[in-house]
Amino acid sequence: MYLAAEKKSEIFKKHGKSEKDTGSTEGQIALFTYRINHLSEHLKKNRKDFNTERSLVKLVGKRRNLLDYLIKTDIVKYRELIQELNIRK
């Protein structure tokens, strides 16, 4: 699998409160960003993989919803996270 448990815990440790805190908004956004980047690279090589393309669109939508939630709750964390993950808006 492309996402090992160590990589996942590293993402949550860096962006969440701890590596066990998998429910934090920041951690979820960071995980979705990692997965989106991985799927984007896959689609550059396999441009006719429409199932992956659909999954990518769904992930982007989920990340967008979480980002919208983060804007409403804590705008400072939102700006830091956008800068750190290089997500354009």
Protein backbone atom coordinates (compact mmCIF):
# COMPACT_ATOMS: atom_id res chain seq x y z
CA MET A 1 0.00 0.00 0.00
CA TYR A 2 1.21 3.50 -0.74
CA LEU A 3 0.52 4.81 2.76
CA ALA A 4 2.29 2.89 5.51
CA ALA A 5 1.25 3.18 9.13
CA GLU A 6 4.51 4.96 9.94
CA LYS A 7 3.89 7.62 7.30
CA LYS A 8 0.34 8.11 8.51
CA SER A 9 1.42 8.53 12.14
CA GLU A 10 4.15 10.94 10.99
CA ILE A 11 1.56 13.09 9.19
CA PHE A 12 -0.70 13.18 12.26
CA LYS A 13 2.22 13.88 14.59
CA LYS A 14 3.32 16.84 12.47
CA HIS A 15 -0.09 18.40 11.83
CA GLY A 16 -2.29 17.09 14.63
CA LYS A 17 -1.95 17.25 18.37
CA SER A 18 -0.38 13.78 18.58
CA GLU A 19 0.11 10.77 16.34
CA LYS A 20 -2.92 9.09 17.91
CA ASP A 21 -5.18 12.11 17.29
CA THR A 22 -6.48 11.03 13.90
CA GLY A 23 -9.70 13.00 14.15
CA SER A 24 -8.28 16.50 14.27
CA THR A 25 -9.25 18.74 11.39
CA GLU A 26 -5.66 19.74 10.65
CA GLY A 27 -4.52 16.11 10.60
CA GLN A 28 -7.34 15.06 8.31
CA ILE A 29 -6.60 17.90 5.87
CA ALA A 30 -2.91 16.97 5.84
CA LEU A 31 -3.75 13.31 5.18
CA PHE A 32 -6.15 14.22 2.38
CA THR A 33 -3.50 16.48 0.86
CA TYR A 34 -0.97 13.65 0.90
CA ARG A 35 -3.47 11.30 -0.75
CA ILE A 36 -4.48 13.93 -3.33
CA ASN A 37 -0.84 14.47 -4.30
CA HIS A 38 -0.33 10.72 -4.63
CA LEU A 39 -3.41 10.29 -6.82
CA SER A 40 -2.44 13.28 -8.96
CA GLU A 41 0.93 11.67 -9.71
CA HIS A 42 -0.83 8.42 -10.58
CA LEU A 43 -3.19 10.20 -12.97
CA LYS A 44 -0.29 11.89 -14.75
CA LYS A 45 0.95 8.43 -15.73
CA ASN A 46 -2.48 6.79 -16.23
CA ARG A 47 -4.70 9.44 -17.71
CA LYS A 48 -7.55 7.05 -18.62
CA ASP A 49 -8.02 5.76 -15.07
CA PHE A 50 -11.45 7.27 -14.53
CA ASN A 51 -12.15 5.51 -11.23
CA THR A 52 -9.09 7.12 -9.69
CA GLU A 53 -10.10 10.45 -11.17
CA ARG A 54 -13.49 10.16 -9.49
CA SER A 55 -11.84 9.28 -6.18
CA LEU A 56 -9.58 12.29 -6.53
CA VAL A 57 -12.53 14.62 -7.08
CA LYS A 58 -14.30 13.20 -4.02
CA LEU A 59 -11.17 13.67 -1.88
CA VAL A 60 -10.79 17.26 -3.02
CA GLY A 61 -14.42 17.89 -2.06
CA LYS A 62 -13.92 16.38 1.39
CA ARG A 63 -10.80 18.46 1.94
CA ARG A 64 -12.64 21.58 0.79
CA ASN A 65 -15.42 20.94 3.33
CA LEU A 66 -12.87 20.52 6.13
CA LEU A 67 -11.07 23.69 5.06
CA ASP A 68 -14.37 25.59 5.08
CA TYR A 69 -15.03 24.28 8.61
CA LEU A 70 -11.55 25.36 9.71
CA ILE A 71 -12.13 28.88 8.32
CA LYS A 72 -15.28 29.21 10.43
CA THR A 73 -13.69 27.89 13.63
CA ASP A 74 -10.07 29.14 13.56
CA ILE A 75 -8.88 31.40 10.73
CA VAL A 76 -5.31 31.58 12.08
CA LYS A 77 -4.85 27.79 11.98
CA TYR A 78 -6.40 27.79 8.52
CA ARG A 79 -3.86 30.29 7.19
CA GLU A 80 -0.94 28.43 8.81
CA LEU A 81 -2.10 25.11 7.38
CA ILE A 82 -2.62 26.50 3.88
CA GLN A 83 0.88 27.95 3.94
CA GLU A 84 2.46 24.81 5.36
CA LEU A 85 0.81 22.39 2.94
CA ASN A 86 1.12 24.68 -0.10
CA ILE A 87 -2.59 24.51 -0.86
CA ARG A 88 -3.66 27.32 -3.15
CA LYS A 89 -7.01 28.90 -2.88
